[in-house]
Amino acid sequence: MTYTLAMAVDQGIEIAEDGVAEVSMTKARASLTALIREVAWGKKTGAFKERGERTAYLVTPEFYKQALDDRARLESLET
């Protein structure tokens, strides 16, 4: 089965203007698999929203590793 963005939209996931795939906390349980696929396969960042505000992000392992590497590099420059 091929996964498409239309499947994500059917699960309550909206793509924000900045390209982040968003899902409200009330729809998160039903949409979690679709959001993870959107992030993993679509290489998008995902976000959970509560009361219209982003409260947490879902990123690819590569993005997370790069963020850790960037943080370590910045911290080494500060000392």
Protein backbone atom coordinates (compact mmCIF):
# COMPACT_ATOMS: atom_id res chain seq x y z
CA MET A 1 0.00 0.00 0.00
CA THR A 2 1.34 3.40 -0.95
CA TYR A 3 1.04 6.17 1.61
CA THR A 4 -0.08 9.57 0.36
CA LEU A 5 -0.60 13.00 1.89
CA ALA A 6 -4.33 12.58 1.28
CA MET A 7 -4.27 9.70 3.77
CA ALA A 8 -2.69 11.99 6.36
CA VAL A 9 -5.30 14.68 5.80
CA ASP A 10 -8.02 12.08 6.28
CA GLN A 11 -6.48 11.37 9.70
CA GLY A 12 -6.84 14.98 10.90
CA ILE A 13 -3.34 16.07 10.00
CA GLU A 14 -2.98 19.55 8.55
CA ILE A 15 0.09 20.92 6.79
CA ALA A 16 0.85 24.40 8.12
CA GLU A 17 2.20 27.24 5.99
CA ASP A 18 5.74 26.48 7.21
CA GLY A 19 5.42 22.87 6.02
CA VAL A 20 4.99 21.29 9.46
CA ALA A 21 2.45 18.45 9.64
CA GLU A 22 0.22 19.33 12.61
CA VAL A 23 -2.33 17.32 14.57
CA SER A 24 -4.36 18.41 17.56
CA MET A 25 -3.93 16.53 20.82
CA THR A 26 -7.58 15.46 20.68
CA LYS A 27 -6.96 13.72 17.33
CA ALA A 28 -3.39 12.57 18.09
CA ARG A 29 -4.17 9.02 19.17
CA ALA A 30 -6.15 8.29 16.01
CA SER A 31 -3.59 10.09 13.84
CA LEU A 32 -0.29 8.98 15.38
CA THR A 33 0.62 6.37 12.79
CA ALA A 34 -0.23 8.73 9.93
CA LEU A 35 1.79 11.54 11.51
CA ILE A 36 4.82 9.28 12.02
CA ARG A 37 4.60 8.19 8.37
CA GLU A 38 4.32 11.80 7.24
CA VAL A 39 7.51 12.60 9.16
CA ALA A 40 9.44 9.45 8.24
CA TRP A 41 8.45 9.09 4.60
CA GLY A 42 7.66 12.68 3.71
CA LYS A 43 10.72 14.03 5.56
CA LYS A 44 8.52 16.66 7.19
CA THR A 45 8.55 17.84 10.78
CA GLY A 46 5.45 16.91 12.76
CA ALA A 47 3.87 18.88 15.59
CA PHE A 48 1.28 18.17 18.25
CA LYS A 49 -1.04 21.08 19.02
CA GLU A 50 -3.00 21.88 22.14
CA ARG A 51 -5.42 24.81 22.19
CA GLY A 52 -4.06 25.91 18.82
CA GLU A 53 -0.42 26.12 19.96
CA ARG A 54 2.36 23.68 19.11
CA THR A 55 3.39 21.82 22.25
CA ALA A 56 5.74 19.11 20.93
CA TYR A 57 7.54 18.19 17.72
CA LEU A 58 8.20 14.92 15.96
CA VAL A 59 11.34 14.82 13.80
CA THR A 60 13.33 12.25 11.85
CA PRO A 61 16.26 10.53 13.58
CA GLU A 62 18.63 12.30 11.18
CA PHE A 63 17.23 15.71 12.13
CA TYR A 64 17.53 14.92 15.84
CA LYS A 65 21.12 13.68 15.49
CA GLN A 66 22.07 16.82 13.56
CA ALA A 67 20.48 18.99 16.28
CA LEU A 68 22.51 17.19 18.97
CA ASP A 69 25.70 17.60 16.92
CA ASP A 70 24.95 21.30 16.38
CA ARG A 71 24.31 21.82 20.10
CA ALA A 72 27.59 20.11 21.04
CA ARG A 73 29.47 22.23 18.51
CA LEU A 74 27.95 25.45 19.88
CA GLU A 75 28.66 24.44 23.48
CA SER A 76 32.29 23.74 22.60
CA LEU A 77 32.59 27.24 21.15
CA GLU A 78 31.22 28.82 24.33
CA THR A 79 33.99 27.42 26.52
